[in-house]
Amino acid sequence: DVIAIRDAEGTEVARGLANYSSAEARLICRK
């Protein structure tokens, strides 16, 4: 899926194709 990349202020920096689902992304966040 196409998702947005946002900075700490919530501004969209970029968007692209996710290599992981949202559930998986939550597991590997900061890892």
PDB file of all heavy atoms in Angstrom:
ATOM      1  N   ASP A   1       0.835  -1.200   0.000  1.00  0.00           N
ATOM      2  CA  ASP A   1       0.000   0.000   0.000  1.00  0.00           C
ATOM      3  C   ASP A   1       0.868   1.248   0.000  1.00  0.00           C
ATOM      4  O   ASP A   1       2.028   1.237   0.445  1.00  0.00           O
ATOM      5  CB  ASP A   1      -0.914   0.030   1.229  1.00  0.00           C
ATOM      6  CG  ASP A   1      -2.099  -0.911   1.107  1.00  0.00           C
ATOM      7  OD1 ASP A   1      -2.442  -1.277  -0.029  1.00  0.00           O
ATOM      8  OD2 ASP A   1      -2.678  -1.286   2.145  1.00  0.00           O
ATOM      9  N   VAL A   2       0.298   2.335  -0.493  1.00  0.00           N
ATOM     10  CA  VAL A   2       0.994   3.617  -0.471  1.00  0.00           C
ATOM     11  C   VAL A   2       0.709   4.317   0.850  1.00  0.00           C
ATOM     12  O   VAL A   2      -0.449   4.488   1.235  1.00  0.00           O
ATOM     13  CB  VAL A   2       0.558   4.511  -1.638  1.00  0.00           C
ATOM     14  CG1 VAL A   2       1.221   5.878  -1.532  1.00  0.00           C
ATOM     15  CG2 VAL A   2       0.937   3.873  -2.970  1.00  0.00           C
ATOM     16  N   ILE A   3       1.770   4.696   1.546  1.00  0.00           N
ATOM     17  CA  ILE A   3       1.627   5.376   2.826  1.00  0.00           C
ATOM     18  C   ILE A   3       2.457   6.655   2.825  1.00  0.00           C
ATOM     19  O   ILE A   3       3.363   6.824   2.007  1.00  0.00           O
ATOM     20  CB  ILE A   3       2.065   4.485   4.006  1.00  0.00           C
ATOM     21  CG1 ILE A   3       3.554   4.130   3.883  1.00  0.00           C
ATOM     22  CG2 ILE A   3       1.212   3.206   4.060  1.00  0.00           C
ATOM     23  CD1 ILE A   3       4.120   3.399   5.096  1.00  0.00           C
ATOM     24  N   ALA A   4       2.123   7.552   3.732  1.00  0.00           N
ATOM     25  CA  ALA A   4       2.845   8.814   3.851  1.00  0.00           C
ATOM     26  C   ALA A   4       3.940   8.700   4.907  1.00  0.00           C
ATOM     27  O   ALA A   4       3.834   7.919   5.855  1.00  0.00           O
ATOM     28  CB  ALA A   4       1.888   9.934   4.229  1.00  0.00           C
ATOM     29  N   ILE A   5       4.990   9.481   4.724  1.00  0.00           N
ATOM     30  CA  ILE A   5       6.033   9.649   5.729  1.00  0.00           C
ATOM     31  C   ILE A   5       5.890  11.062   6.286  1.00  0.00           C
ATOM     32  O   ILE A   5       5.958  12.032   5.519  1.00  0.00           O
ATOM     33  CB  ILE A   5       7.434   9.460   5.130  1.00  0.00           C
ATOM     34  CG1 ILE A   5       7.586   8.066   4.522  1.00  0.00           C
ATOM     35  CG2 ILE A   5       8.514   9.704   6.185  1.00  0.00           C
ATOM     36  CD1 ILE A   5       8.889   7.872   3.768  1.00  0.00           C
ATOM     37  N   ARG A   6       5.673  11.186   7.579  1.00  0.00           N
ATOM     38  CA  ARG A   6       5.454  12.496   8.210  1.00  0.00           C
ATOM     39  C   ARG A   6       6.499  12.755   9.272  1.00  0.00           C
ATOM     40  O   ARG A   6       6.933  11.840   9.972  1.00  0.00           O
ATOM     41  CB  ARG A   6       4.051  12.549   8.823  1.00  0.00           C
ATOM     42  CG  ARG A   6       2.941  12.450   7.785  1.00  0.00           C
ATOM     43  CD  ARG A   6       1.582  12.364   8.423  1.00  0.00           C
ATOM     44  NE  ARG A   6       0.529  12.265   7.411  1.00  0.00           N
ATOM     45  CZ  ARG A   6      -0.645  11.687   7.607  1.00  0.00           C
ATOM     46  NH1 ARG A   6      -0.925  11.140   8.782  1.00  0.00           N
ATOM     47  NH2 ARG A   6      -1.538  11.637   6.635  1.00  0.00           N
ATOM     48  N   ASP A   7       6.894  14.029   9.378  1.00  0.00           N
ATOM     49  CA  ASP A   7       7.859  14.394  10.408  1.00  0.00           C
ATOM     50  C   ASP A   7       7.162  14.579  11.749  1.00  0.00           C
ATOM     51  O   ASP A   7       5.934  14.370  11.860  1.00  0.00           O
ATOM     52  CB  ASP A   7       8.650  15.636  10.003  1.00  0.00           C
ATOM     53  CG  ASP A   7       7.777  16.877   9.825  1.00  0.00           C
ATOM     54  OD1 ASP A   7       6.643  16.905  10.351  1.00  0.00           O
ATOM     55  OD2 ASP A   7       8.233  17.815   9.142  1.00  0.00           O
ATOM     56  N   ALA A   8       7.913  14.969  12.756  1.00  0.00           N
ATOM     57  CA  ALA A   8       7.362  15.077  14.110  1.00  0.00           C
ATOM     58  C   ALA A   8       6.241  16.100  14.207  1.00  0.00           C
ATOM     59  O   ALA A   8       5.368  16.004  15.083  1.00  0.00           O
ATOM     60  CB  ALA A   8       8.485  15.434  15.089  1.00  0.00           C
ATOM     61  N   GLU A   9       6.212  17.077  13.305  1.00  0.00           N
ATOM     62  CA  GLU A   9       5.163  18.102  13.316  1.00  0.00           C
ATOM     63  C   GLU A   9       3.932  17.664  12.519  1.00  0.00           C
ATOM     64  O   GLU A   9       2.949  18.416  12.428  1.00  0.00           O
ATOM     65  CB  GLU A   9       5.693  19.419  12.738  1.00  0.00           C
ATOM     66  CG  GLU A   9       6.657  20.174  13.651  1.00  0.00           C
ATOM     67  CD  GLU A   9       8.005  19.485  13.760  1.00  0.00           C
ATOM     68  OE1 GLU A   9       8.517  18.989  12.719  1.00  0.00           O
ATOM     69  OE2 GLU A   9       8.538  19.420  14.883  1.00  0.00           O
ATOM     70  N   GLY A  10       3.988  16.502  11.898  1.00  0.00           N
ATOM     71  CA  GLY A  10       2.853  16.014  11.131  1.00  0.00           C
ATOM     72  C   GLY A  10       2.879  16.417   9.663  1.00  0.00           C
ATOM     73  O   GLY A  10       1.931  16.133   8.926  1.00  0.00           O
ATOM     74  N   THR A  11       3.948  17.067   9.224  1.00  0.00           N
ATOM     75  CA  THR A  11       4.056  17.478   7.829  1.00  0.00           C
ATOM     76  C   THR A  11       4.511  16.308   6.964  1.00  0.00           C
ATOM     77  O   THR A  11       5.471  15.614   7.316  1.00  0.00           O
ATOM     78  CB  THR A  11       5.067  18.628   7.687  1.00  0.00           C
ATOM     79  OG1 THR A  11       4.652  19.734   8.502  1.00  0.00           O
ATOM     80  CG2 THR A  11       5.174  19.087   6.235  1.00  0.00           C
ATOM     81  N   GLU A  12       3.832  16.108   5.829  1.00  0.00           N
ATOM     82  CA  GLU A  12       4.204  15.012   4.945  1.00  0.00           C
ATOM     83  C   GLU A  12       5.527  15.328   4.248  1.00  0.00           C
ATOM     84  O   GLU A  12       5.655  16.351   3.581  1.00  0.00           O
ATOM     85  CB  GLU A  12       3.106  14.743   3.913  1.00  0.00           C
ATOM     86  CG  GLU A  12       3.425  13.560   2.994  1.00  0.00           C
ATOM     87  CD  GLU A  12       2.289  13.222   2.039  1.00  0.00           C
ATOM     88  OE1 GLU A  12       1.115  13.224   2.473  1.00  0.00           O
ATOM     89  OE2 GLU A  12       2.584  12.980   0.851  1.00  0.00           O
ATOM     90  N   VAL A  13       6.460  14.427   4.388  1.00  0.00           N
ATOM     91  CA  VAL A  13       7.773  14.569   3.772  1.00  0.00           C
ATOM     92  C   VAL A  13       7.815  13.835   2.436  1.00  0.00           C
ATOM     93  O   VAL A  13       8.367  14.315   1.451  1.00  0.00           O
ATOM     94  CB  VAL A  13       8.871  14.018   4.704  1.00  0.00           C
ATOM     95  CG1 VAL A  13      10.241  14.060   4.025  1.00  0.00           C
ATOM     96  CG2 VAL A  13       8.888  14.784   6.014  1.00  0.00           C
ATOM     97  N   ALA A  14       7.231  12.641   2.424  1.00  0.00           N
ATOM     98  CA  ALA A  14       7.273  11.792   1.234  1.00  0.00           C
ATOM     99  C   ALA A  14       6.167  10.758   1.344  1.00  0.00           C
ATOM    100  O   ALA A  14       5.459  10.675   2.347  1.00  0.00           O
ATOM    101  CB  ALA A  14       8.634  11.125   1.117  1.00  0.00           C
ATOM    102  N   ARG A  15       6.029   9.956   0.286  1.00  0.00           N
ATOM    103  CA  ARG A  15       5.123   8.817   0.309  1.00  0.00           C
ATOM    104  C   ARG A  15       5.713   7.712  -0.555  1.00  0.00           C
ATOM    105  O   ARG A  15       6.547   7.975  -1.415  1.00  0.00           O
ATOM    106  CB  ARG A  15       3.725   9.194  -0.176  1.00  0.00           C
ATOM    107  CG  ARG A  15       3.659   9.741  -1.594  1.00  0.00           C
ATOM    108  CD  ARG A  15       2.233  10.056  -2.024  1.00  0.00           C
ATOM    109  NE  ARG A  15       1.583  11.040  -1.161  1.00  0.00           N
ATOM    110  CZ  ARG A  15       0.343  11.487  -1.341  1.00  0.00           C
ATOM    111  NH1 ARG A  15      -0.373  11.024  -2.370  1.00  0.00           N
ATOM    112  NH2 ARG A  15      -0.173  12.374  -0.518  1.00  0.00           N
ATOM    113  N   GLY A  16       5.274   6.490  -0.290  1.00  0.00           N
ATOM    114  CA  GLY A  16       5.833   5.389  -1.061  1.00  0.00           C
ATOM    115  C   GLY A  16       5.149   4.076  -0.734  1.00  0.00           C
ATOM    116  O   GLY A  16       4.173   4.024   0.024  1.00  0.00           O
ATOM    117  N   LEU A  17       5.675   2.996  -1.315  1.00  0.00           N
ATOM    118  CA  LEU A  17       5.095   1.669  -1.153  1.00  0.00           C
ATOM    119  C   LEU A  17       5.678   0.995   0.082  1.00  0.00           C
ATOM    120  O   LEU A  17       6.896   0.840   0.205  1.00  0.00           O
ATOM    121  CB  LEU A  17       5.380   0.808  -2.380  1.00  0.00           C
ATOM    122  CG  LEU A  17       4.866   1.322  -3.725  1.00  0.00           C
ATOM    123  CD1 LEU A  17       5.240   0.342  -4.831  1.00  0.00           C
ATOM    124  CD2 LEU A  17       3.365   1.520  -3.683  1.00  0.00           C
ATOM    125  N   ALA A  18       4.793   0.579   0.990  1.00  0.00           N
ATOM    126  CA  ALA A  18       5.225  -0.040   2.240  1.00  0.00           C
ATOM    127  C   ALA A  18       5.687  -1.471   2.014  1.00  0.00           C
ATOM    128  O   ALA A  18       5.016  -2.262   1.345  1.00  0.00           O
ATOM    129  CB  ALA A  18       4.080  -0.021   3.245  1.00  0.00           C
ATOM    130  N   ASN A  19       6.826  -1.812   2.585  1.00  0.00           N
ATOM    131  CA  ASN A  19       7.315  -3.190   2.530  1.00  0.00           C
ATOM    132  C   ASN A  19       6.731  -4.051   3.635  1.00  0.00           C
ATOM    133  O   ASN A  19       6.858  -5.283   3.596  1.00  0.00           O
ATOM    134  CB  ASN A  19       8.843  -3.224   2.625  1.00  0.00           C
ATOM    135  CG  ASN A  19       9.514  -2.886   1.315  1.00  0.00           C
ATOM    136  OD1 ASN A  19       8.956  -3.109   0.239  1.00  0.00           O
ATOM    137  ND2 ASN A  19      10.714  -2.328   1.381  1.00  0.00           N
ATOM    138  N   TYR A  20       6.089  -3.395   4.625  1.00  0.00           N
ATOM    139  CA  TYR A  20       5.493  -4.129   5.742  1.00  0.00           C
ATOM    140  C   TYR A  20       4.090  -3.604   6.014  1.00  0.00           C
ATOM    141  O   TYR A  20       3.787  -2.433   5.763  1.00  0.00           O
ATOM    142  CB  TYR A  20       6.356  -3.982   7.004  1.00  0.00           C
ATOM    143  CG  TYR A  20       7.721  -4.621   6.871  1.00  0.00           C
ATOM    144  CD1 TYR A  20       8.831  -3.861   6.517  1.00  0.00           C
ATOM    145  CD2 TYR A  20       7.892  -5.986   7.089  1.00  0.00           C
ATOM    146  CE1 TYR A  20      10.081  -4.453   6.382  1.00  0.00           C
ATOM    147  CE2 TYR A  20       9.138  -6.578   6.960  1.00  0.00           C
ATOM    148  CZ  TYR A  20      10.225  -5.810   6.603  1.00  0.00           C
ATOM    149  OH  TYR A  20      11.459  -6.395   6.463  1.00  0.00           O
ATOM    150  N   SER A  21       3.241  -4.466   6.557  1.00  0.00           N
ATOM    151  CA  SER A  21       1.898  -4.045   6.940  1.00  0.00           C
ATOM    152  C   SER A  21       1.978  -3.150   8.169  1.00  0.00           C
ATOM    153  O   SER A  21       3.018  -3.058   8.836  1.00  0.00           O
ATOM    154  CB  SER A  21       1.036  -5.270   7.255  1.00  0.00           C
ATOM    155  OG  SER A  21       1.499  -5.905   8.448  1.00  0.00           O
ATOM    156  N   SER A  22       0.865  -2.510   8.494  1.00  0.00           N
ATOM    157  CA  SER A  22       0.840  -1.633   9.664  1.00  0.00           C
ATOM    158  C   SER A  22       1.114  -2.404  10.949  1.00  0.00           C
ATOM    159  O   SER A  22       1.819  -1.915  11.848  1.00  0.00           O
ATOM    160  CB  SER A  22      -0.514  -0.923   9.748  1.00  0.00           C
ATOM    161  OG  SER A  22      -1.578  -1.846   9.694  1.00  0.00           O
ATOM    162  N   ALA A  23       0.567  -3.621  11.045  1.00  0.00           N
ATOM    163  CA  ALA A  23       0.807  -4.438  12.245  1.00  0.00           C
ATOM    164  C   ALA A  23       2.286  -4.783  12.379  1.00  0.00           C
ATOM    165  O   ALA A  23       2.861  -4.713  13.483  1.00  0.00           O
ATOM    166  CB  ALA A  23      -0.034  -5.705  12.178  1.00  0.00           C
ATOM    167  N   GLU A  24       2.910  -5.146  11.272  1.00  0.00           N
ATOM    168  CA  GLU A  24       4.339  -5.466  11.298  1.00  0.00           C
ATOM    169  C   GLU A  24       5.161  -4.219  11.567  1.00  0.00           C
ATOM    170  O   GLU A  24       6.161  -4.260  12.296  1.00  0.00           O
ATOM    171  CB  GLU A  24       4.747  -6.092   9.968  1.00  0.00           C
ATOM    172  CG  GLU A  24       4.156  -7.471   9.723  1.00  0.00           C
ATOM    173  CD  GLU A  24       4.412  -7.971   8.322  1.00  0.00           C
ATOM    174  OE1 GLU A  24       4.405  -7.146   7.381  1.00  0.00           O
ATOM    175  OE2 GLU A  24       4.610  -9.182   8.152  1.00  0.00           O
ATOM    176  N   ALA A  25       4.742  -3.085  10.985  1.00  0.00           N
ATOM    177  CA  ALA A  25       5.479  -1.835  11.167  1.00  0.00           C
ATOM    178  C   ALA A  25       5.518  -1.432  12.634  1.00  0.00           C
ATOM    179  O   ALA A  25       6.533  -0.912  13.127  1.00  0.00           O
ATOM    180  CB  ALA A  25       4.845  -0.732  10.331  1.00  0.00           C
ATOM    181  N   ARG A  26       4.413  -1.688  13.343  1.00  0.00           N
ATOM    182  CA  ARG A  26       4.380  -1.337  14.770  1.00  0.00           C
ATOM    183  C   ARG A  26       5.357  -2.198  15.568  1.00  0.00           C
ATOM    184  O   ARG A  26       5.919  -1.733  16.572  1.00  0.00           O
ATOM    185  CB  ARG A  26       2.953  -1.481  15.298  1.00  0.00           C
ATOM    186  CG  ARG A  26       1.993  -0.439  14.727  1.00  0.00           C
ATOM    187  CD  ARG A  26       0.592  -0.512  15.337  1.00  0.00           C
ATOM    188  NE  ARG A  26      -0.240   0.588  14.820  1.00  0.00           N
ATOM    189  CZ  ARG A  26      -1.103   0.464  13.832  1.00  0.00           C
ATOM    190  NH1 ARG A  26      -1.271  -0.735  13.241  1.00  0.00           N
ATOM    191  NH2 ARG A  26      -1.792   1.498  13.407  1.00  0.00           N
ATOM    192  N   LEU A  27       5.564  -3.426  15.123  1.00  0.00           N
ATOM    193  CA  LEU A  27       6.488  -4.313  15.827  1.00  0.00           C
ATOM    194  C   LEU A  27       7.947  -3.921  15.609  1.00  0.00           C
ATOM    195  O   LEU A  27       8.779  -4.069  16.519  1.00  0.00           O
ATOM    196  CB  LEU A  27       6.273  -5.759  15.358  1.00  0.00           C
ATOM    197  CG  LEU A  27       4.965  -6.433  15.762  1.00  0.00           C
ATOM    198  CD1 LEU A  27       4.859  -7.806  15.115  1.00  0.00           C
ATOM    199  CD2 LEU A  27       4.883  -6.562  17.289  1.00  0.00           C
ATOM    200  N   ILE A  28       8.279  -3.437  14.410  1.00  0.00           N
ATOM    201  CA  ILE A  28       9.681  -3.135  14.096  1.00  0.00           C
ATOM    202  C   ILE A  28      10.006  -1.659  14.208  1.00  0.00           C
ATOM    203  O   ILE A  28      11.138  -1.241  13.927  1.00  0.00           O
ATOM    204  CB  ILE A  28      10.046  -3.640  12.684  1.00  0.00           C
ATOM    205  CG1 ILE A  28       9.173  -2.976  11.616  1.00  0.00           C
ATOM    206  CG2 ILE A  28       9.917  -5.160  12.612  1.00  0.00           C
ATOM    207  CD1 ILE A  28       9.540  -3.387  10.185  1.00  0.00           C
ATOM    208  N   CYS A  29       9.045  -0.857  14.635  1.00  0.00           N
ATOM    209  CA  CYS A  29       9.271   0.578  14.827  1.00  0.00           C
ATOM    210  C   CYS A  29      10.404   0.786  15.841  1.00  0.00           C
ATOM    211  O   CYS A  29      10.419   0.183  16.919  1.00  0.00           O
ATOM    212  CB  CYS A  29       7.965   1.207  15.335  1.00  0.00           C
ATOM    213  SG  CYS A  29       7.927   2.996  15.243  1.00  0.00           S
ATOM    214  N   ARG A  30      11.390   1.608  15.476  1.00  0.00           N
ATOM    215  CA  ARG A  30      12.564   1.926  16.303  1.00  0.00           C
ATOM    216  C   ARG A  30      13.517   0.748  16.466  1.00  0.00           C
ATOM    217  O   ARG A  30      14.406   0.775  17.321  1.00  0.00           O
ATOM    218  CB  ARG A  30      12.155   2.425  17.701  1.00  0.00           C
ATOM    219  CG  ARG A  30      11.193   3.571  17.726  1.00  0.00           C
ATOM    220  CD  ARG A  30      11.725   4.796  17.016  1.00  0.00           C
ATOM    221  NE  ARG A  30      12.726   5.543  17.766  1.00  0.00           N
ATOM    222  CZ  ARG A  30      13.390   6.577  17.280  1.00  0.00           C
ATOM    223  NH1 ARG A  30      13.202   6.970  16.027  1.00  0.00           N
ATOM    224  NH2 ARG A  30      14.267   7.211  18.018  1.00  0.00           N
ATOM    225  N   LYS A  31      13.363  -0.275  15.613  1.00  0.00           N
ATOM    226  CA  LYS A  31      14.190  -1.470  15.752  1.00  0.00           C
ATOM    227  C   LYS A  31      15.145  -1.609  14.551  1.00  0.00           C
ATOM    228  O   LYS A  31      14.803  -1.278  13.415  1.00  0.00           O
ATOM    229  CB  LYS A  31      13.315  -2.720  15.822  1.00  0.00           C
ATOM    230  CG  LYS A  31      12.360  -2.748  17.009  1.00  0.00           C
ATOM    231  CD  LYS A  31      13.106  -2.818  18.327  1.00  0.00           C
ATOM    232  CE  LYS A  31      12.181  -3.147  19.475  1.00  0.00           C
ATOM    233  NZ  LYS A  31      11.121  -2.134  19.693  1.00  0.00           N
TER     234      LYS A  31
END
